[in-house]
Amino acid sequence: MNEQISWVSHAARSLRGSVHVPGDKSVSHRALMFGALAEGTSRIRGFLEGEDTRATAAVLQQLGVRIETPADGERVVHGVGLHGLHASTDPLDCGNAGTGMRLLAGLLAGQAFDSILIGDASLSKRPMRRVTNPLAAMGARIDTQDGLPPLHVRGGQHLQGIRYELPVASAQVKSALLLAGLYAEGETEVIEPHPTRDYTERMLAAFGWPIAFEPGRAKLSGGHTLRATDVDVPADFSSAAFFLVAASIVPGSELRLPAVGLNPRRTGLLEALRLMGADIRVEDPRESGGEPVGDLMVRYAPLHGVELPEALVPDMIDEFPALFVAAAAATGRTVIRGAAELRVKESDRLAAMATGLRVLGIVVDETPDGATIHGGTLAGGTVESLTDHRIAMSFAVAGLVARAPVRINDCYHVATSFPGFMQLANRCGFALGLAD
């Protein structure tokens, strides 16, 4: 991996065509894990061929699960059952995948053996107490480095189901507790201050585990069995987000994004862009593998600033970098509140986007839990991605409407979630290249 990769994004005339974005990362991670713990063989289609999801597959293989790759975007997982995993003599490397590490912490808490979860430099700085503390309340023993990875998960613990109210809404923490709950005695119930993505709940049901869930609440008991099933992974809404914003702000654009996952706990950006005046339609809404899916049609439309409703924040937490760019290109000011979670992602995304947009001539007033973005004309300049894939792709979109080229440093991590982004983007009209 070349850590010196930088991009230059130039102004575009218009974006046109059909853009097939990669499979959903969150669904891909979970399909691997549930397939591994199931009885029987599961086939995954539309699997995201990203570094994060491949890291999760490699971890499961270290734990004794046979996973085949018959073709790009496909995996065949030979399940070993709930108690069929084996200890690894080496640490389990999650790479840059926070989802992988946090979910695996819950999964491994119920095993009979010890495991050590490690990650790259970025993941090693991400807080883990938010997941290790509630797991400890269930009886798990997980040692950290002052709350940070690596995680030493002690095996052989007796887990007890708990009723846990999340202090901060987090689908990853909720999912870790539900995974531990598969191994726990009694009932595990997770209550959220705001509803988050319910991929784990939907997929557990698809794999045959009895679970009761509604927005903001999920409950299951231990002692059941997961049954192998086939999973069709929808296109990733977070990946589609960059093209939704790009086509909304580049005059003359019209893009079609087929078979995008439209889980209502994921599509806050769709609502936010519509509030700003975006022209986005959902065509052929349908269901695939328990997940709502549809084709998105987006056309250029002049955007205006809004006060973002805080209720949308949990449903678009990964899409905020793209929203910042939409707000920068809009008329008037956009006010964001209640998004402090952005400070503990792959980077401090509030600071990273505010700093980068200021370089490009946009006025941004940063607050502890959000920002006010004063829309205007973007200038050129050099911005730092902080090795954060979503920051890099967002500034690639910003360059499409800037008066001069935008250079984005350290873009190598884009492969964690969106391999082939540059090629796909350029096919529909981006002017994105490698920097000298």
Protein backbone atom coordinates (compact mmCIF):
# COMPACT_ATOMS: atom_id res chain seq x y z
CA MET A 1 0.00 0.00 0.00
CA ASN A 2 1.42 3.34 -1.05
CA GLU A 3 0.88 5.85 1.74
CA GLN A 4 1.98 8.71 -0.55
CA ILE A 5 -1.05 8.51 -2.88
CA SER A 6 -2.61 11.94 -3.36
CA TRP A 7 -5.34 13.07 -5.75
CA VAL A 8 -6.10 16.19 -7.74
CA SER A 9 -9.76 16.96 -8.49
CA HIS A 10 -10.65 19.39 -11.29
CA ALA A 11 -13.87 21.17 -12.20
CA ALA A 12 -16.36 19.00 -14.13
CA ARG A 13 -18.84 19.97 -16.85
CA SER A 14 -21.62 17.55 -15.97
CA LEU A 15 -22.00 14.02 -14.62
CA ARG A 16 -23.93 11.44 -16.61
CA GLY A 17 -24.61 7.74 -16.64
CA SER A 18 -25.35 4.77 -14.41
CA VAL A 19 -23.06 4.27 -11.41
CA HIS A 20 -22.88 0.83 -9.81
CA VAL A 21 -21.37 1.50 -6.39
CA PRO A 22 -19.84 -1.33 -4.35
CA GLY A 23 -21.72 -3.52 -1.89
CA ASP A 24 -22.65 -2.28 1.56
CA LYS A 25 -19.73 -2.53 3.97
CA SER A 26 -21.85 -2.95 7.10
CA VAL A 27 -23.89 -5.76 5.57
CA SER A 28 -20.75 -7.45 4.19
CA HIS A 29 -19.07 -7.53 7.63
CA ARG A 30 -22.16 -8.99 9.29
CA ALA A 31 -22.86 -11.54 6.56
CA LEU A 32 -19.37 -12.97 7.05
CA MET A 33 -19.75 -13.18 10.84
CA PHE A 34 -23.22 -14.71 10.89
CA GLY A 35 -22.31 -17.08 8.09
CA ALA A 36 -19.29 -18.21 10.13
CA LEU A 37 -21.41 -18.88 13.25
CA ALA A 38 -24.23 -20.57 11.34
CA GLU A 39 -24.87 -24.27 10.78
CA GLY A 40 -24.34 -24.97 7.08
CA THR A 41 -23.01 -23.04 4.08
CA SER A 42 -23.94 -19.46 3.23
CA ARG A 43 -23.33 -17.70 -0.09
CA ILE A 44 -22.80 -13.94 -0.12
CA ARG A 45 -23.35 -12.02 -3.37
CA GLY A 46 -22.49 -8.36 -3.86
CA PHE A 47 -19.77 -8.59 -1.19
CA LEU A 48 -17.68 -5.43 -0.84
CA GLU A 49 -14.13 -6.16 -2.03
CA GLY A 50 -12.63 -3.61 0.37
CA GLU A 51 -9.72 -3.85 2.76
CA ASP A 52 -11.98 -3.60 5.82
CA THR A 53 -14.21 -6.50 4.84
CA ARG A 54 -11.29 -8.61 3.66
CA ALA A 55 -9.68 -8.05 7.06
CA THR A 56 -12.80 -9.45 8.75
CA ALA A 57 -12.76 -12.45 6.42
CA ALA A 58 -9.07 -13.07 7.23
CA VAL A 59 -9.79 -12.91 10.97
CA LEU A 60 -12.58 -15.48 10.66
CA GLN A 61 -10.29 -17.73 8.62
CA GLN A 62 -7.69 -17.48 11.40
CA LEU A 63 -10.42 -18.69 13.75
CA GLY A 64 -10.98 -21.81 11.65
CA VAL A 65 -13.74 -20.79 9.23
CA ARG A 66 -13.40 -21.88 5.60
CA ILE A 67 -14.29 -19.01 3.25
CA GLU A 68 -14.12 -19.41 -0.51
CA THR A 69 -14.04 -16.71 -3.21
CA PRO A 70 -15.60 -18.21 -6.36
CA ALA A 71 -15.68 -14.78 -8.06
CA ASP A 72 -15.13 -11.11 -7.33
CA GLY A 73 -17.91 -9.90 -5.03
CA GLU A 74 -18.81 -13.40 -3.88
CA ARG A 75 -17.98 -15.40 -0.78
CA VAL A 76 -18.99 -18.90 0.27
CA VAL A 77 -18.82 -19.25 4.05
CA HIS A 78 -18.76 -22.73 5.55
CA GLY A 79 -20.28 -22.16 8.97
CA VAL A 80 -18.79 -23.85 12.03
CA GLY A 81 -21.70 -23.22 14.36
CA LEU A 82 -21.90 -21.04 17.44
CA HIS A 83 -19.19 -22.97 19.30
CA GLY A 84 -17.02 -24.14 16.41
CA LEU A 85 -14.40 -21.36 16.30
CA HIS A 86 -10.80 -22.20 17.26
CA ALA A 87 -8.15 -20.08 18.95
CA SER A 88 -5.57 -18.32 16.81
CA THR A 89 -1.93 -18.35 17.85
CA ASP A 90 -1.47 -14.92 16.23
CA PRO A 91 -3.21 -11.61 16.91
CA LEU A 92 -6.33 -10.94 14.83
CA ASP A 93 -5.65 -7.93 12.60
CA CYS A 94 -8.74 -5.81 11.87
CA GLY A 95 -6.79 -3.32 9.75
CA ASN A 96 -8.73 -0.05 9.62
CA ALA A 97 -12.13 -1.63 10.36
CA GLY A 98 -13.75 -0.16 13.46
CA THR A 99 -16.92 -2.11 12.68
CA GLY A 100 -14.93 -5.32 12.44
CA MET A 101 -13.11 -4.79 15.73
CA ARG A 102 -16.12 -3.73 17.79
CA LEU A 103 -18.38 -6.52 16.48
CA LEU A 104 -15.66 -9.13 16.88
CA ALA A 105 -15.15 -8.01 20.49
CA GLY A 106 -18.75 -9.03 21.20
CA LEU A 107 -18.49 -12.25 19.20
CA LEU A 108 -15.24 -13.31 20.87
CA ALA A 109 -16.37 -12.41 24.40
CA GLY A 110 -18.40 -15.62 24.49
CA GLN A 111 -15.66 -17.98 23.27
CA ALA A 112 -13.75 -20.50 25.37
CA PHE A 113 -10.36 -19.15 24.24
CA ASP A 114 -8.39 -15.90 24.45
CA SER A 115 -8.03 -13.60 21.44
CA ILE A 116 -6.09 -10.41 20.74
CA LEU A 117 -7.62 -7.89 18.33
CA ILE A 118 -5.23 -5.38 16.76
CA GLY A 119 -5.56 -2.70 14.06
CA ASP A 120 -3.62 -0.19 12.02
CA ALA A 121 -2.35 3.15 13.35
CA SER A 122 -5.71 4.86 12.77
CA LEU A 123 -7.83 2.14 14.39
CA SER A 124 -5.41 1.96 17.32
CA LYS A 125 -6.46 5.52 18.27
CA ARG A 126 -10.21 4.85 18.26
CA PRO A 127 -12.04 4.57 21.62
CA MET A 128 -13.14 1.10 22.66
CA ARG A 129 -14.47 1.59 26.20
CA ARG A 130 -17.90 2.35 24.77
CA VAL A 131 -18.06 -1.32 23.79
CA THR A 132 -15.80 -2.98 26.37
CA ASN A 133 -17.61 -1.43 29.38
CA PRO A 134 -21.09 -2.79 28.58
CA LEU A 135 -19.56 -6.13 27.56
CA ALA A 136 -17.88 -6.22 30.99
CA ALA A 137 -21.32 -5.69 32.54
CA MET A 138 -22.34 -8.94 30.81
CA GLY A 139 -19.36 -10.74 32.36
CA ALA A 140 -16.80 -10.35 29.57
CA ARG A 141 -13.14 -9.64 30.36
CA ILE A 142 -11.46 -7.42 27.78
CA ASP A 143 -8.16 -5.68 28.49
CA THR A 144 -7.30 -2.50 26.57
CA GLN A 145 -4.44 -0.04 26.34
CA ASP A 146 -6.06 2.72 28.40
CA GLY A 147 -9.32 2.28 26.47
CA LEU A 148 -7.64 1.87 23.08
CA PRO A 149 -6.70 -1.19 20.97
CA PRO A 150 -5.26 -3.74 21.07
CA LEU A 151 -8.08 -5.63 22.80
CA HIS A 152 -7.20 -8.76 24.75
CA VAL A 153 -10.46 -10.72 24.94
CA ARG A 154 -10.31 -13.32 27.72
CA GLY A 155 -12.07 -16.58 26.97
CA GLY A 156 -14.03 -18.90 29.23
CA GLN A 157 -16.22 -16.22 30.81
CA HIS A 158 -19.83 -16.82 31.80
CA LEU A 159 -21.92 -14.17 30.06
CA GLN A 160 -25.22 -12.96 31.48
CA GLY A 161 -27.81 -11.07 29.47
CA ILE A 162 -28.39 -7.45 30.52
CA ARG A 163 -30.72 -4.57 29.78
CA TYR A 164 -28.47 -1.77 28.55
CA GLU A 165 -29.38 1.80 27.69
CA LEU A 166 -26.79 3.22 25.30
CA PRO A 167 -25.55 6.64 26.44
CA VAL A 168 -24.73 7.50 22.80
CA ALA A 169 -26.53 5.94 19.85
CA SER A 170 -24.16 3.48 18.12
CA ALA A 171 -25.06 0.60 15.82
CA GLN A 172 -21.61 -0.91 16.38
CA VAL A 173 -21.96 -1.03 20.17
CA LYS A 174 -25.53 -2.33 19.90
CA SER A 175 -24.36 -5.05 17.51
CA ALA A 176 -21.46 -6.09 19.75
CA LEU A 177 -23.84 -6.55 22.69
CA LEU A 178 -26.30 -8.55 20.58
CA LEU A 179 -23.48 -10.79 19.35
CA ALA A 180 -22.36 -11.38 22.94
CA GLY A 181 -26.02 -12.01 23.77
CA LEU A 182 -25.99 -15.06 21.48
CA TYR A 183 -23.67 -16.66 24.06
CA ALA A 184 -25.26 -15.19 27.20
CA GLU A 185 -27.61 -16.76 29.68
CA GLY A 186 -30.98 -15.06 29.67
CA GLU A 187 -32.13 -12.02 27.77
CA THR A 188 -30.06 -9.19 26.29
CA GLU A 189 -31.89 -5.97 25.57
CA VAL A 190 -30.35 -2.83 24.06
CA ILE A 191 -32.16 0.51 24.19
CA GLU A 192 -30.92 3.50 22.18
CA PRO A 193 -31.42 7.24 22.71
CA HIS A 194 -31.99 7.49 18.94
CA PRO A 195 -32.64 4.60 16.52
CA THR A 196 -29.56 3.41 14.63
CA ARG A 197 -29.03 1.03 11.73
CA ASP A 198 -30.73 -2.32 12.28
CA TYR A 199 -28.61 -4.44 9.95
CA THR A 200 -27.64 -6.81 12.77
CA GLU A 201 -31.24 -7.32 13.88
CA ARG A 202 -32.52 -7.91 10.35
CA MET A 203 -29.72 -10.32 9.54
CA LEU A 204 -30.06 -12.28 12.78
CA ALA A 205 -33.73 -12.80 11.88
CA ALA A 206 -32.75 -13.86 8.35
CA PHE A 207 -30.35 -16.43 9.84
CA GLY A 208 -33.20 -17.81 11.97
CA TRP A 209 -32.36 -16.38 15.42
CA PRO A 210 -35.46 -15.28 17.37
CA ILE A 211 -35.15 -11.52 17.95
CA ALA A 212 -37.62 -8.75 18.72
CA PHE A 213 -36.72 -5.30 17.46
CA GLU A 214 -38.20 -1.93 16.64
CA PRO A 215 -36.58 1.48 16.11
CA GLY A 216 -34.47 2.20 19.17
CA ARG A 217 -34.80 -1.20 20.85
CA ALA A 218 -33.63 -4.81 20.28
CA LYS A 219 -34.01 -7.90 22.45
CA LEU A 220 -32.87 -11.53 22.14
CA SER A 221 -32.08 -14.57 24.28
CA GLY A 222 -29.13 -16.94 24.11
CA GLY A 223 -29.29 -20.63 23.40
CA HIS A 224 -30.60 -20.73 19.84
CA THR A 225 -29.00 -21.68 16.51
CA LEU A 226 -28.07 -19.68 13.42
CA ARG A 227 -29.02 -21.41 10.17
CA ALA A 228 -27.06 -20.76 6.99
CA THR A 229 -28.71 -18.53 4.43
CA ASP A 230 -27.76 -16.70 1.24
CA VAL A 231 -27.23 -12.95 1.44
CA ASP A 232 -27.56 -10.46 -1.42
CA VAL A 233 -25.64 -7.37 -0.32
CA PRO A 234 -27.23 -4.12 -1.53
CA ALA A 235 -25.13 -1.30 -2.96
CA ASP A 236 -23.67 0.82 -0.15
CA PHE A 237 -25.64 4.02 0.53
CA SER A 238 -22.54 5.63 2.06
CA SER A 239 -20.68 5.08 -1.21
CA ALA A 240 -23.66 6.33 -3.22
CA ALA A 241 -23.66 9.50 -1.07
CA PHE A 242 -20.67 11.02 -2.88
CA PHE A 243 -22.42 10.68 -6.24
CA LEU A 244 -25.72 12.01 -4.88
CA VAL A 245 -23.96 15.16 -3.71
CA ALA A 246 -21.79 15.44 -6.83
CA ALA A 247 -24.74 15.26 -9.23
CA SER A 248 -26.71 17.68 -7.05
CA ILE A 249 -24.06 20.42 -7.24
CA VAL A 250 -22.59 20.06 -10.78
CA PRO A 251 -24.89 21.82 -13.29
CA GLY A 252 -26.37 19.62 -16.02
CA SER A 253 -25.79 16.37 -14.14
CA GLU A 254 -28.06 13.33 -14.13
CA LEU A 255 -27.00 10.04 -12.56
CA ARG A 256 -28.70 6.71 -11.90
CA LEU A 257 -27.52 4.56 -8.97
CA PRO A 258 -29.04 1.06 -9.19
CA ALA A 259 -29.97 -1.26 -6.30
CA VAL A 260 -28.85 1.00 -3.43
CA GLY A 261 -29.63 -0.12 0.11
CA LEU A 262 -32.32 2.16 1.57
CA ASN A 263 -32.46 1.00 5.17
CA PRO A 264 -34.34 3.85 6.88
CA ARG A 265 -31.69 3.98 9.62
CA ARG A 266 -29.09 4.75 6.95
CA THR A 267 -30.64 7.28 4.60
CA GLY A 268 -30.67 10.50 6.63
CA LEU A 269 -28.57 12.18 3.93
CA LEU A 270 -31.33 11.57 1.38
CA GLU A 271 -33.77 13.52 3.56
CA ALA A 272 -31.17 16.22 4.31
CA LEU A 273 -30.39 16.80 0.62
CA ARG A 274 -34.10 16.97 -0.21
CA LEU A 275 -34.56 19.59 2.52
CA MET A 276 -31.80 21.54 0.75
CA GLY A 277 -33.67 21.35 -2.57
CA ALA A 278 -32.04 18.29 -4.17
CA ASP A 279 -33.85 16.43 -6.96
CA ILE A 280 -33.52 12.76 -5.96
CA ARG A 281 -36.12 10.10 -6.78
CA VAL A 282 -36.38 6.49 -5.65
CA GLU A 283 -37.44 4.15 -8.45
CA ASP A 284 -38.47 0.48 -8.26
CA PRO A 285 -38.41 0.20 -4.44
CA ARG A 286 -38.11 -3.43 -3.42
CA GLU A 287 -36.72 -5.76 -0.77
CA SER A 288 -33.60 -7.94 -1.02
CA GLY A 289 -32.46 -10.23 1.79
CA GLY A 290 -34.62 -8.41 4.31
CA GLU A 291 -33.22 -5.00 3.31
CA PRO A 292 -35.12 -2.28 1.40
CA VAL A 293 -33.46 -1.45 -1.93
CA GLY A 294 -34.19 0.99 -4.74
CA ASP A 295 -32.71 2.72 -7.78
CA LEU A 296 -31.77 6.36 -7.11
CA MET A 297 -32.16 9.01 -9.82
CA VAL A 298 -30.43 12.31 -9.03
CA ARG A 299 -30.42 15.48 -11.14
CA TYR A 300 -28.69 18.81 -10.61
CA ALA A 301 -30.70 21.28 -8.56
CA PRO A 302 -29.65 24.52 -6.84
CA LEU A 303 -29.21 23.79 -3.12
CA HIS A 304 -29.93 26.12 -0.22
CA GLY A 305 -28.72 25.98 3.36
CA VAL A 306 -30.86 24.50 6.14
CA GLU A 307 -30.87 23.96 9.88
CA LEU A 308 -30.39 20.20 9.89
CA PRO A 309 -32.95 18.46 12.13
CA GLU A 310 -31.06 16.66 14.90
CA ALA A 311 -33.35 13.66 14.45
CA LEU A 312 -31.56 12.96 11.13
CA VAL A 313 -28.07 12.88 12.65
CA PRO A 314 -27.90 9.19 13.73
CA ASP A 315 -29.19 8.10 10.32
CA MET A 316 -26.41 9.86 8.38
CA ILE A 317 -23.39 9.76 10.66
CA ASP A 318 -21.07 8.37 7.94
CA GLU A 319 -22.39 10.76 5.30
CA PHE A 320 -21.57 14.05 7.05
CA PRO A 321 -18.34 14.71 5.12
CA ALA A 322 -20.34 14.61 1.87
CA LEU A 323 -23.04 16.82 3.41
CA PHE A 324 -20.39 19.42 4.34
CA VAL A 325 -19.51 19.68 0.64
CA ALA A 326 -23.17 20.05 -0.35
CA ALA A 327 -23.52 22.80 2.28
CA ALA A 328 -20.39 24.57 1.02
CA ALA A 329 -21.83 24.65 -2.52
CA ALA A 330 -25.30 25.73 -1.37
CA THR A 331 -26.72 29.24 -1.06
CA GLY A 332 -26.94 30.45 2.53
CA ARG A 333 -25.86 28.75 5.72
CA THR A 334 -26.27 25.19 6.94
CA VAL A 335 -26.35 24.54 10.68
CA ILE A 336 -25.39 21.13 12.09
CA ARG A 337 -25.88 20.22 15.76
CA GLY A 338 -25.79 17.00 17.76
CA ALA A 339 -22.98 15.38 15.73
CA ALA A 340 -20.21 15.06 18.34
CA GLU A 341 -19.86 11.39 17.30
CA LEU A 342 -18.00 12.67 14.21
CA ARG A 343 -15.01 13.56 16.39
CA VAL A 344 -14.23 9.88 17.10
CA LYS A 345 -14.48 8.35 13.63
CA GLU A 346 -11.45 7.45 11.46
CA SER A 347 -10.49 11.07 12.03
CA ASP A 348 -12.09 14.03 13.80
CA ARG A 349 -14.37 14.55 10.84
CA LEU A 350 -15.83 17.82 12.08
CA ALA A 351 -12.37 19.36 12.36
CA ALA A 352 -11.10 17.76 9.14
CA MET A 353 -13.97 19.03 7.00
CA ALA A 354 -14.03 22.47 8.64
CA THR A 355 -10.29 22.90 8.15
CA GLY A 356 -10.34 21.69 4.54
CA LEU A 357 -13.30 23.84 3.53
CA ARG A 358 -11.64 26.91 5.04
CA VAL A 359 -8.59 26.19 2.84
CA LEU A 360 -11.01 26.27 -0.11
CA GLY A 361 -12.35 29.67 0.92
CA ILE A 362 -15.54 28.62 2.74
CA VAL A 363 -16.41 30.16 6.11
CA VAL A 364 -17.07 27.43 8.71
CA ASP A 365 -17.88 28.11 12.35
CA GLU A 366 -17.01 24.95 14.25
CA THR A 367 -18.74 23.97 17.51
CA PRO A 368 -18.12 21.03 19.88
CA ASP A 369 -20.98 19.02 18.33
CA GLY A 370 -21.35 20.49 14.86
CA ALA A 371 -20.72 23.47 12.61
CA THR A 372 -22.28 26.29 10.67
CA ILE A 373 -21.20 26.22 7.02
CA HIS A 374 -21.65 29.43 5.04
CA GLY A 375 -22.15 28.41 1.41
CA GLY A 376 -20.15 30.17 -1.25
CA THR A 377 -17.74 29.70 -4.14
CA LEU A 378 -15.02 27.14 -3.59
CA ALA A 379 -11.45 28.07 -4.44
CA GLY A 380 -8.68 25.61 -5.16
CA GLY A 381 -6.01 24.50 -2.73
CA THR A 382 -4.42 21.57 -0.91
CA VAL A 383 -6.42 19.75 1.78
CA GLU A 384 -5.53 16.93 4.15
CA SER A 385 -7.61 13.76 4.26
CA LEU A 386 -5.95 12.66 7.54
CA THR A 387 -5.91 9.20 5.88
CA ASP A 388 -9.72 9.13 6.25
CA HIS A 389 -11.40 7.56 3.22
CA ARG A 390 -14.62 9.56 3.51
CA ILE A 391 -12.76 12.87 3.88
CA ALA A 392 -10.73 12.08 0.75
CA MET A 393 -13.76 11.23 -1.40
CA SER A 394 -15.71 14.26 -0.13
CA PHE A 395 -12.98 16.68 -1.20
CA ALA A 396 -12.80 14.89 -4.57
CA VAL A 397 -16.45 15.94 -4.95
CA ALA A 398 -15.65 19.50 -3.80
CA GLY A 399 -13.07 19.80 -6.60
CA LEU A 400 -15.82 19.34 -9.20
CA VAL A 401 -17.19 22.83 -8.48
CA ALA A 402 -14.00 24.62 -7.37
CA ARG A 403 -12.49 27.50 -9.35
CA ALA A 404 -9.05 25.83 -9.31
CA PRO A 405 -7.78 22.29 -8.77
CA VAL A 406 -8.14 20.70 -5.31
CA ARG A 407 -5.29 18.49 -4.17
CA ILE A 408 -6.17 15.88 -1.55
CA ASN A 409 -3.27 14.33 0.34
CA ASP A 410 -3.07 10.74 1.67
CA CYS A 411 -5.89 9.01 -0.20
CA TYR A 412 -4.66 5.45 0.11
CA HIS A 413 -7.31 4.48 2.70
CA VAL A 414 -10.13 4.94 0.17
CA ALA A 415 -9.63 1.27 -0.68
CA THR A 416 -10.95 0.34 2.78
CA SER A 417 -14.51 1.15 1.72
CA PHE A 418 -14.53 1.99 -2.00
CA PRO A 419 -11.95 0.20 -4.13
CA GLY A 420 -11.95 1.59 -7.67
CA PHE A 421 -13.55 4.91 -6.66
CA MET A 422 -11.38 6.99 -9.01
CA GLN A 423 -12.07 4.86 -12.06
CA LEU A 424 -15.83 4.72 -11.42
CA ALA A 425 -15.99 8.45 -10.71
CA ASN A 426 -14.11 9.36 -13.88
CA ARG A 427 -16.37 7.16 -16.00
CA CYS A 428 -19.38 9.34 -15.10
CA GLY A 429 -17.62 12.66 -15.59
CA PHE A 430 -15.33 13.42 -12.64
CA ALA A 431 -11.94 14.87 -13.51
CA LEU A 432 -9.93 13.09 -10.82
CA GLY A 433 -6.29 12.10 -11.16
CA LEU A 434 -3.19 11.22 -9.22
CA ALA A 435 -1.08 14.11 -8.00
CA ASP A 436 2.54 14.34 -9.11
